[in-house]
Amino acid sequence: MQTVSSSSSSDKSVEGTNTPPHVLVVDDEFLMRWSVTETLDADGCSVREAGDGETAMRAIVDPRWPVDVVVVDYHLPDTQSLELLSEMRRMRPECRIILMTADPDPDLTRRALALGARWVLSKPFEMSALESLVLGADRTRARA
């Protein structure tokens, strides 16, 4: 069963944004990362991949590649906590973060949203749901 939770903060839309979103996909499962990347690439997104938290952090601070949206798995080989999410928010507060998890724990969801995740998406999920969140995140990526 698919569950999507979102934070209650309201975002202001960015009008006239023609640039495709830059999305960082972080998951240690190659097939999941590939599926998400292929789906978002087909939607015109510029996608970069990372298989662990360390690689994700190098990507998120890379000044040559802006990050608008991060799609990150909760369980990674080098971190299984919300510390990575917190650090990403600290380094790129303007990013929208979508946390994916196979552990639909309401406490985890509450904590992730409190730390700045925009959405928590429970695995397994339909790729169309993720597309909607990423493309919606792109339309609301900046606050006035």
N, C-alpha and C. Protein backbone atom coordinates (compact mmCIF):
# COMPACT_ATOMS: atom_id res chain seq x y z
N MET A 1 0.83 -1.17 0.00
CA MET A 1 0.00 0.00 0.00
C MET A 1 0.88 1.24 0.00
N GLN A 2 0.50 2.20 -0.79
CA GLN A 2 1.28 3.42 -0.95
C GLN A 2 0.75 4.50 -0.03
N THR A 3 1.64 5.16 0.67
CA THR A 3 1.26 6.26 1.53
C THR A 3 2.14 7.45 1.22
N VAL A 4 1.52 8.60 1.09
CA VAL A 4 2.26 9.84 0.88
C VAL A 4 1.86 10.78 2.00
N SER A 5 2.83 11.27 2.71
CA SER A 5 2.59 12.27 3.75
C SER A 5 3.33 13.52 3.35
N SER A 6 2.75 14.66 3.66
CA SER A 6 3.44 15.90 3.31
C SER A 6 3.43 16.84 4.50
N SER A 7 4.38 17.76 4.46
CA SER A 7 4.42 18.78 5.50
C SER A 7 3.29 19.75 5.25
N SER A 8 2.91 20.46 6.26
CA SER A 8 1.77 21.36 6.13
C SER A 8 2.17 22.77 5.72
N SER A 9 3.45 22.99 5.45
CA SER A 9 3.87 24.34 5.07
C SER A 9 3.34 24.67 3.68
N SER A 10 2.99 25.92 3.49
CA SER A 10 2.49 26.32 2.18
C SER A 10 3.63 26.91 1.38
N ASP A 11 3.68 26.57 0.09
CA ASP A 11 4.71 27.06 -0.79
C ASP A 11 4.10 28.01 -1.79
N LYS A 12 4.89 28.98 -2.21
CA LYS A 12 4.44 29.90 -3.24
C LYS A 12 4.99 29.41 -4.58
N SER A 13 4.14 29.35 -5.57
CA SER A 13 4.55 28.87 -6.88
C SER A 13 5.49 29.86 -7.55
N VAL A 14 6.39 29.31 -8.34
CA VAL A 14 7.28 30.13 -9.14
C VAL A 14 6.67 30.19 -10.53
N GLU A 15 6.25 31.35 -10.93
CA GLU A 15 5.64 31.51 -12.24
C GLU A 15 6.72 31.67 -13.29
N GLY A 16 6.45 31.14 -14.46
CA GLY A 16 7.35 31.34 -15.59
C GLY A 16 8.62 30.52 -15.53
N THR A 17 8.68 29.49 -14.71
CA THR A 17 9.87 28.66 -14.64
C THR A 17 9.82 27.65 -15.77
N ASN A 18 10.73 27.79 -16.74
CA ASN A 18 10.76 26.88 -17.88
C ASN A 18 11.88 25.86 -17.76
N THR A 19 12.72 26.02 -16.78
CA THR A 19 13.84 25.13 -16.61
C THR A 19 13.39 23.83 -15.97
N PRO A 20 13.83 22.70 -16.53
CA PRO A 20 13.48 21.43 -15.88
C PRO A 20 14.16 21.34 -14.51
N PRO A 21 13.51 20.68 -13.56
CA PRO A 21 14.13 20.58 -12.23
C PRO A 21 15.38 19.72 -12.26
N HIS A 22 16.31 20.07 -11.41
CA HIS A 22 17.50 19.26 -11.18
C HIS A 22 17.20 18.38 -9.98
N VAL A 23 17.22 17.08 -10.19
CA VAL A 23 16.82 16.13 -9.16
C VAL A 23 17.98 15.23 -8.81
N LEU A 24 18.23 15.09 -7.53
CA LEU A 24 19.22 14.15 -7.03
C LEU A 24 18.47 12.94 -6.49
N VAL A 25 18.75 11.77 -7.06
CA VAL A 25 18.11 10.52 -6.65
C VAL A 25 19.12 9.72 -5.85
N VAL A 26 18.78 9.42 -4.59
CA VAL A 26 19.70 8.73 -3.69
C VAL A 26 19.06 7.43 -3.21
N ASP A 27 19.59 6.31 -3.68
CA ASP A 27 19.11 5.00 -3.26
C ASP A 27 20.21 3.99 -3.54
N ASP A 28 20.45 3.09 -2.61
CA ASP A 28 21.50 2.10 -2.81
C ASP A 28 21.04 0.92 -3.67
N GLU A 29 19.74 0.77 -3.87
CA GLU A 29 19.23 -0.29 -4.73
C GLU A 29 19.27 0.19 -6.17
N PHE A 30 20.13 -0.44 -6.97
CA PHE A 30 20.35 0.01 -8.34
C PHE A 30 19.05 0.07 -9.14
N LEU A 31 18.22 -0.97 -9.08
CA LEU A 31 17.00 -0.99 -9.89
C LEU A 31 16.03 0.11 -9.49
N MET A 32 15.93 0.39 -8.22
CA MET A 32 15.06 1.48 -7.77
C MET A 32 15.59 2.82 -8.26
N ARG A 33 16.89 3.02 -8.09
CA ARG A 33 17.51 4.27 -8.54
C ARG A 33 17.35 4.43 -10.05
N TRP A 34 17.55 3.36 -10.79
CA TRP A 34 17.40 3.38 -12.24
C TRP A 34 15.96 3.71 -12.64
N SER A 35 14.99 3.07 -12.00
CA SER A 35 13.58 3.30 -12.32
C SER A 35 13.19 4.75 -12.08
N VAL A 36 13.58 5.28 -10.93
CA VAL A 36 13.26 6.68 -10.61
C VAL A 36 13.94 7.61 -11.60
N THR A 37 15.21 7.36 -11.88
CA THR A 37 15.97 8.20 -12.81
C THR A 37 15.35 8.19 -14.20
N GLU A 38 15.04 7.01 -14.71
CA GLU A 38 14.45 6.89 -16.04
C GLU A 38 13.10 7.60 -16.12
N THR A 39 12.29 7.45 -15.08
CA THR A 39 10.97 8.09 -15.05
C THR A 39 11.10 9.60 -15.07
N LEU A 40 11.96 10.13 -14.23
CA LEU A 40 12.12 11.58 -14.15
C LEU A 40 12.82 12.16 -15.37
N ASP A 41 13.76 11.41 -15.92
CA ASP A 41 14.44 11.83 -17.14
C ASP A 41 13.44 11.95 -18.29
N ALA A 42 12.51 11.01 -18.37
CA ALA A 42 11.48 11.04 -19.42
C ALA A 42 10.56 12.26 -19.26
N ASP A 43 10.47 12.78 -18.05
CA ASP A 43 9.67 13.99 -17.79
C ASP A 43 10.46 15.28 -18.04
N GLY A 44 11.71 15.15 -18.47
CA GLY A 44 12.51 16.33 -18.76
C GLY A 44 13.37 16.81 -17.62
N CYS A 45 13.35 16.09 -16.52
CA CYS A 45 14.18 16.48 -15.38
C CYS A 45 15.64 16.21 -15.68
N SER A 46 16.50 17.01 -15.10
CA SER A 46 17.93 16.76 -15.13
C SER A 46 18.23 15.97 -13.86
N VAL A 47 18.70 14.73 -14.02
CA VAL A 47 18.82 13.82 -12.88
C VAL A 47 20.28 13.45 -12.65
N ARG A 48 20.64 13.45 -11.38
CA ARG A 48 21.94 12.98 -10.93
C ARG A 48 21.68 11.89 -9.89
N GLU A 49 22.53 10.88 -9.83
CA GLU A 49 22.32 9.74 -8.94
C GLU A 49 23.41 9.61 -7.90
N ALA A 50 23.02 9.02 -6.77
CA ALA A 50 23.97 8.67 -5.71
C ALA A 50 23.50 7.39 -5.06
N GLY A 51 24.43 6.52 -4.71
CA GLY A 51 24.09 5.24 -4.10
C GLY A 51 24.29 5.20 -2.60
N ASP A 52 24.78 6.30 -2.03
CA ASP A 52 24.99 6.34 -0.58
C ASP A 52 24.97 7.80 -0.11
N GLY A 53 24.96 7.97 1.19
CA GLY A 53 24.88 9.30 1.77
C GLY A 53 26.09 10.17 1.48
N GLU A 54 27.27 9.60 1.51
CA GLU A 54 28.49 10.36 1.27
C GLU A 54 28.50 10.94 -0.15
N THR A 55 28.15 10.12 -1.13
CA THR A 55 28.10 10.59 -2.52
C THR A 55 27.01 11.65 -2.68
N ALA A 56 25.89 11.45 -2.00
CA ALA A 56 24.78 12.42 -2.06
C ALA A 56 25.22 13.77 -1.52
N MET A 57 25.95 13.79 -0.43
CA MET A 57 26.39 15.05 0.15
C MET A 57 27.39 15.76 -0.75
N ARG A 58 28.26 15.00 -1.41
CA ARG A 58 29.19 15.63 -2.37
C ARG A 58 28.40 16.27 -3.52
N ALA A 59 27.35 15.59 -3.96
CA ALA A 59 26.53 16.11 -5.06
C ALA A 59 25.75 17.35 -4.64
N ILE A 60 25.23 17.33 -3.44
CA ILE A 60 24.36 18.44 -3.01
C ILE A 60 25.14 19.73 -2.78
N VAL A 61 26.42 19.63 -2.50
CA VAL A 61 27.22 20.84 -2.29
C VAL A 61 28.02 21.24 -3.53
N ASP A 62 27.88 20.49 -4.61
CA ASP A 62 28.59 20.79 -5.86
C ASP A 62 28.04 22.08 -6.46
N PRO A 63 28.83 23.14 -6.49
CA PRO A 63 28.33 24.42 -7.00
C PRO A 63 28.05 24.41 -8.51
N ARG A 64 28.56 23.43 -9.21
CA ARG A 64 28.36 23.36 -10.66
C ARG A 64 27.02 22.74 -11.04
N TRP A 65 26.33 22.14 -10.07
CA TRP A 65 25.08 21.45 -10.37
C TRP A 65 24.04 21.81 -9.33
N PRO A 66 23.09 22.66 -9.69
CA PRO A 66 22.06 23.04 -8.72
C PRO A 66 21.15 21.85 -8.41
N VAL A 67 20.64 21.79 -7.22
CA VAL A 67 19.71 20.73 -6.83
C VAL A 67 18.41 21.40 -6.40
N ASP A 68 17.34 21.06 -7.10
CA ASP A 68 16.02 21.59 -6.75
C ASP A 68 15.24 20.62 -5.88
N VAL A 69 15.38 19.33 -6.20
CA VAL A 69 14.62 18.29 -5.51
C VAL A 69 15.56 17.13 -5.20
N VAL A 70 15.44 16.58 -4.00
CA VAL A 70 16.18 15.38 -3.62
C VAL A 70 15.16 14.28 -3.33
N VAL A 71 15.35 13.14 -3.97
CA VAL A 71 14.55 11.95 -3.70
C VAL A 71 15.50 10.99 -3.02
N VAL A 72 15.32 10.75 -1.73
CA VAL A 72 16.31 10.01 -0.96
C VAL A 72 15.66 8.87 -0.17
N ASP A 73 16.31 7.72 -0.21
CA ASP A 73 15.87 6.57 0.56
C ASP A 73 16.34 6.71 2.01
N TYR A 74 15.53 6.25 2.93
CA TYR A 74 15.88 6.33 4.35
C TYR A 74 17.02 5.37 4.70
N HIS A 75 16.96 4.16 4.16
CA HIS A 75 17.98 3.14 4.47
C HIS A 75 19.06 3.14 3.40
N LEU A 76 20.23 3.62 3.77
CA LEU A 76 21.38 3.64 2.88
C LEU A 76 22.52 2.89 3.57
N PRO A 77 23.51 2.44 2.81
CA PRO A 77 24.59 1.66 3.43
C PRO A 77 25.37 2.41 4.51
N ASP A 78 25.48 3.72 4.37
CA ASP A 78 26.28 4.48 5.33
C ASP A 78 25.44 5.32 6.28
N THR A 79 24.14 5.23 6.20
CA THR A 79 23.27 5.94 7.15
C THR A 79 21.87 5.34 7.13
N GLN A 80 21.33 5.15 8.30
CA GLN A 80 19.95 4.71 8.45
C GLN A 80 19.32 5.55 9.55
N SER A 81 19.46 6.85 9.35
CA SER A 81 18.89 7.80 10.30
C SER A 81 18.46 9.03 9.52
N LEU A 82 17.89 9.97 10.20
CA LEU A 82 17.46 11.20 9.55
C LEU A 82 18.56 12.26 9.54
N GLU A 83 19.75 11.87 9.97
CA GLU A 83 20.89 12.79 9.98
C GLU A 83 21.21 13.30 8.57
N LEU A 84 21.14 12.42 7.57
CA LEU A 84 21.42 12.83 6.20
C LEU A 84 20.40 13.88 5.74
N LEU A 85 19.15 13.64 6.02
CA LEU A 85 18.09 14.60 5.65
C LEU A 85 18.36 15.94 6.31
N SER A 86 18.68 15.92 7.57
CA SER A 86 18.97 17.15 8.32
C SER A 86 20.16 17.89 7.73
N GLU A 87 21.20 17.16 7.38
CA GLU A 87 22.39 17.78 6.80
C GLU A 87 22.10 18.36 5.42
N MET A 88 21.29 17.65 4.63
CA MET A 88 20.90 18.16 3.31
C MET A 88 20.13 19.48 3.45
N ARG A 89 19.22 19.53 4.40
CA ARG A 89 18.44 20.75 4.63
C ARG A 89 19.35 21.90 5.06
N ARG A 90 20.35 21.58 5.87
CA ARG A 90 21.28 22.61 6.32
C ARG A 90 22.11 23.14 5.15
N MET A 91 22.56 22.25 4.28
CA MET A 91 23.41 22.65 3.17
C MET A 91 22.63 23.32 2.03
N ARG A 92 21.41 22.86 1.79
CA ARG A 92 20.58 23.40 0.71
C ARG A 92 19.15 23.60 1.21
N PRO A 93 18.90 24.62 2.02
CA PRO A 93 17.57 24.82 2.59
C PRO A 93 16.47 25.05 1.56
N GLU A 94 16.85 25.47 0.36
CA GLU A 94 15.86 25.73 -0.68
C GLU A 94 15.38 24.45 -1.39
N CYS A 95 16.07 23.35 -1.19
CA CYS A 95 15.71 22.08 -1.84
C CYS A 95 14.43 21.50 -1.26
N ARG A 96 13.69 20.84 -2.10
CA ARG A 96 12.55 20.05 -1.64
C ARG A 96 13.05 18.62 -1.52
N ILE A 97 12.77 18.00 -0.39
CA ILE A 97 13.24 16.64 -0.15
C ILE A 97 12.05 15.70 -0.05
N ILE A 98 12.14 14.62 -0.82
CA ILE A 98 11.16 13.54 -0.78
C ILE A 98 11.87 12.35 -0.18
N LEU A 99 11.43 11.91 0.98
CA LEU A 99 12.03 10.76 1.64
C LEU A 99 11.25 9.51 1.25
N MET A 100 11.95 8.50 0.77
CA MET A 100 11.34 7.20 0.46
C MET A 100 11.69 6.24 1.58
N THR A 101 10.72 5.42 1.97
CA THR A 101 11.00 4.44 3.01
C THR A 101 10.12 3.21 2.84
N ALA A 102 10.70 2.06 3.15
CA ALA A 102 9.94 0.81 3.16
C ALA A 102 9.38 0.55 4.55
N ASP A 103 9.67 1.46 5.47
CA ASP A 103 9.23 1.33 6.86
C ASP A 103 8.18 2.41 7.14
N PRO A 104 6.90 2.08 6.95
CA PRO A 104 5.85 3.10 7.12
C PRO A 104 5.55 3.40 8.59
N ASP A 105 6.54 3.88 9.31
CA ASP A 105 6.42 4.19 10.73
C ASP A 105 5.93 5.63 10.88
N PRO A 106 4.77 5.84 11.51
CA PRO A 106 4.25 7.21 11.67
C PRO A 106 5.22 8.14 12.42
N ASP A 107 5.96 7.59 13.38
CA ASP A 107 6.92 8.42 14.11
C ASP A 107 8.05 8.88 13.18
N LEU A 108 8.54 7.98 12.33
CA LEU A 108 9.58 8.34 11.36
C LEU A 108 9.05 9.43 10.43
N THR A 109 7.83 9.29 9.98
CA THR A 109 7.22 10.28 9.09
C THR A 109 7.15 11.64 9.79
N ARG A 110 6.67 11.67 11.01
CA ARG A 110 6.56 12.93 11.76
C ARG A 110 7.94 13.58 11.93
N ARG A 111 8.91 12.78 12.30
CA ARG A 111 10.26 13.32 12.51
C ARG A 111 10.86 13.85 11.21
N ALA A 112 10.66 13.12 10.12
CA ALA A 112 11.20 13.54 8.82
C ALA A 112 10.57 14.86 8.37
N LEU A 113 9.26 14.98 8.53
CA LEU A 113 8.58 16.21 8.16
C LEU A 113 9.03 17.37 9.05
N ALA A 114 9.24 17.09 10.32
CA ALA A 114 9.70 18.14 11.25
C ALA A 114 11.11 18.62 10.89
N LEU A 115 11.92 17.73 10.32
CA LEU A 115 13.28 18.09 9.94
C LEU A 115 13.35 18.76 8.57
N GLY A 116 12.22 18.83 7.88
CA GLY A 116 12.22 19.55 6.61
C GLY A 116 11.93 18.74 5.37
N ALA A 117 11.67 17.45 5.50
CA ALA A 117 11.24 16.70 4.32
C ALA A 117 9.91 17.29 3.87
N ARG A 118 9.72 17.43 2.59
CA ARG A 118 8.45 17.95 2.08
C ARG A 118 7.42 16.83 1.99
N TRP A 119 7.90 15.66 1.62
CA TRP A 119 7.02 14.49 1.52
C TRP A 119 7.74 13.25 2.00
N VAL A 120 6.97 12.29 2.51
CA VAL A 120 7.47 10.97 2.85
C VAL A 120 6.64 9.99 2.04
N LEU A 121 7.31 9.20 1.23
CA LEU A 121 6.65 8.28 0.31
C LEU A 121 6.99 6.86 0.71
N SER A 122 5.97 6.07 1.01
CA SER A 122 6.17 4.69 1.44
C SER A 122 6.33 3.77 0.24
N LYS A 123 7.35 2.93 0.29
CA LYS A 123 7.58 1.92 -0.75
C LYS A 123 6.69 0.72 -0.45
N PRO A 124 6.20 0.04 -1.44
CA PRO A 124 6.29 0.36 -2.87
C PRO A 124 5.32 1.46 -3.23
N PHE A 125 5.62 2.17 -4.31
CA PHE A 125 4.75 3.25 -4.76
C PHE A 125 4.71 3.25 -6.28
N GLU A 126 3.71 3.92 -6.81
CA GLU A 126 3.59 4.08 -8.25
C GLU A 126 4.51 5.21 -8.68
N MET A 127 5.21 5.01 -9.78
CA MET A 127 6.11 6.05 -10.28
C MET A 127 5.34 7.33 -10.61
N SER A 128 4.08 7.20 -11.02
CA SER A 128 3.29 8.39 -11.33
C SER A 128 3.11 9.27 -10.09
N ALA A 129 3.02 8.65 -8.91
CA ALA A 129 2.90 9.43 -7.68
C ALA A 129 4.19 10.22 -7.43
N LEU A 130 5.32 9.58 -7.65
CA LEU A 130 6.60 10.26 -7.47
C LEU A 130 6.76 11.38 -8.50
N GLU A 131 6.39 11.12 -9.73
CA GLU A 131 6.46 12.16 -10.77
C GLU A 131 5.68 13.40 -10.34
N SER A 132 4.47 13.18 -9.86
CA SER A 132 3.63 14.30 -9.42
C SER A 132 4.30 15.09 -8.31
N LEU A 133 4.89 14.39 -7.36
CA LEU A 133 5.55 15.08 -6.25
C LEU A 133 6.77 15.86 -6.72
N VAL A 134 7.58 15.25 -7.58
CA VAL A 134 8.79 15.92 -8.06
C VAL A 134 8.43 17.12 -8.92
N LEU A 135 7.51 16.95 -9.83
CA LEU A 135 7.14 18.06 -10.71
C LEU A 135 6.42 19.14 -9.93
N GLY A 136 5.62 18.75 -8.95
CA GLY A 136 4.99 19.72 -8.06
C GLY A 136 6.02 20.43 -7.22
N ALA A 137 7.03 19.69 -6.79
CA ALA A 137 8.11 20.28 -6.00
C ALA A 137 8.86 21.30 -6.84
N ASP A 138 9.03 21.00 -8.12
CA ASP A 138 9.72 21.95 -8.98
C ASP A 138 8.93 23.24 -9.11
N ARG A 139 7.63 23.14 -9.21
CA ARG A 139 6.81 24.35 -9.36
C ARG A 139 6.82 25.19 -8.09
N THR A 140 7.19 24.59 -6.97
CA THR A 140 7.19 25.32 -5.70
C THR A 140 8.58 25.38 -5.09
N ARG A 141 9.61 25.32 -5.92
CA ARG A 141 10.96 25.18 -5.38
C ARG A 141 11.52 26.42 -4.72
N ALA A 142 10.98 27.57 -5.02
CA ALA A 142 11.52 28.79 -4.39
C ALA A 142 10.44 29.50 -3.62
N ARG A 143 10.83 30.07 -2.52
CA ARG A 143 9.89 30.89 -1.72
C ARG A 143 10.20 32.35 -1.96
N ALA A 144 9.15 33.12 -2.08
CA ALA A 144 9.35 34.56 -2.30
C ALA A 144 9.65 35.25 -0.99
